[in-house]
């Protein structure tokens, strides 16, 4: 027996299903409503819809957070005096420190003091021995003596030459005088025949020669005198230079005995009998007693704002103590520069060398302003926004603000906040992407 089946036509073709005869061996297959393609498309659609729903819920919930009010730092915006300062940690050091160095070096011959002793001004501390330096002084003294002897001989020869020239001039003057008188006596005798004209001419020629010789001798004497003066002046310049050199050599010889430049405490001494010290090598250090200053390092950001005369304060023994900047070192190392501060008046009795001092360096004049307590929120927001608590105190909303100067205690409010409002000043680490914080009461 045969069975008739309908042949499936494309959907919407408008063609009637074609009847097909089925044999007994054939099996009828019914069309399925759910295929693997339809299932895959359905799963993908549900996944996309779920993702969109999750993203929308996450965004909506992410802009809102809740926190316990007791666990947050909430500060009031108030009107007060703003003081701009930077916190510094300084170290108490002696006000004056002098280093003792070996000027020319040498071998340690004797040590008269011990490290840590109190010394007086001019007291001998260490004596060095330098044979080469002593020989240099002896050689300089010998050269100076030789130069002095040469100067004496030169002066003596010049004086003898000048004396001989004077004698020659006297002799010429005597001959000129004799010839003048002889010519005056013989010239009238020519008319009477007592003297010939030839004799008169010879006397006149001799007189002219002697007169010219006198002029030449005077000119030579002037040249000799000028040369003598110039030579002696040059020798005196050399003598002065040799004297200066000898004085320096003697001073270096005196520097072999190292003395205390002022009264104080010998806090460093590195010298043992017999050891050699190179020129410029450090031997000791003397610190002024009972006179201190504070040395501190400041961030290079404030290099142009720190100046001599600025004040700093620190709290100790239940009272405030004031210091004044007396020196600003312009050199920057590791992004820090150094300043020295002195105590206003005498240093407190409790101050000791090496003690650390926590102080506040004033950076400007105190001024009336709208201020808010400083907190971790400023670093989290860079001072651009803050969470402001509403009047009911049940939530806080994000608000754009603008701050000015800042110190460790407070920040200056410029825009965005009013006096009397309350701001969350603790960390915003949990609330960076939040617009509103619901505040709950603590347990």
Foldseek 3Di string as FASTA:
>chain_A
DKDKDWADDDPPPPDDTHIDIHDPVDDDDDDDPDDPVNVVVVVVVVVVVVVVVVVVVCLVCLQEAADAPVVFDKWFWAWDKDFFWAKWKWFKAFPDKDFQFQAAWAAWADADDDAFDWDFAFAFGTFGDDPVLVVVLVVLVVVLVVLVVVLVVLVVVLVVVLVVLVVVLVVLVVVLVVLVVVLVVCVVCCVVVPDPVVVNVVSVVVNVVSVVVSVVSVVVNVVSVVVSVVVSVVSVVVSVVSVVVSVVSVVSNVSSGPGHNHTFGWNFADHDHGDIHHRGHTGTMGGHPQFIKIKTKDALVCLVQDDWFWKKWADDPNDIWMKTWHDWANDADPRITMTIIGTDPGDDPVDDGGDMTIMITGRDDIDIATKIFAEQQCVVVVQQWFWWADPVRFKTFIWGFHWDRDYNTITGGDDDDDGGIMTRRYHCPVPSSYGMYGHDHDD
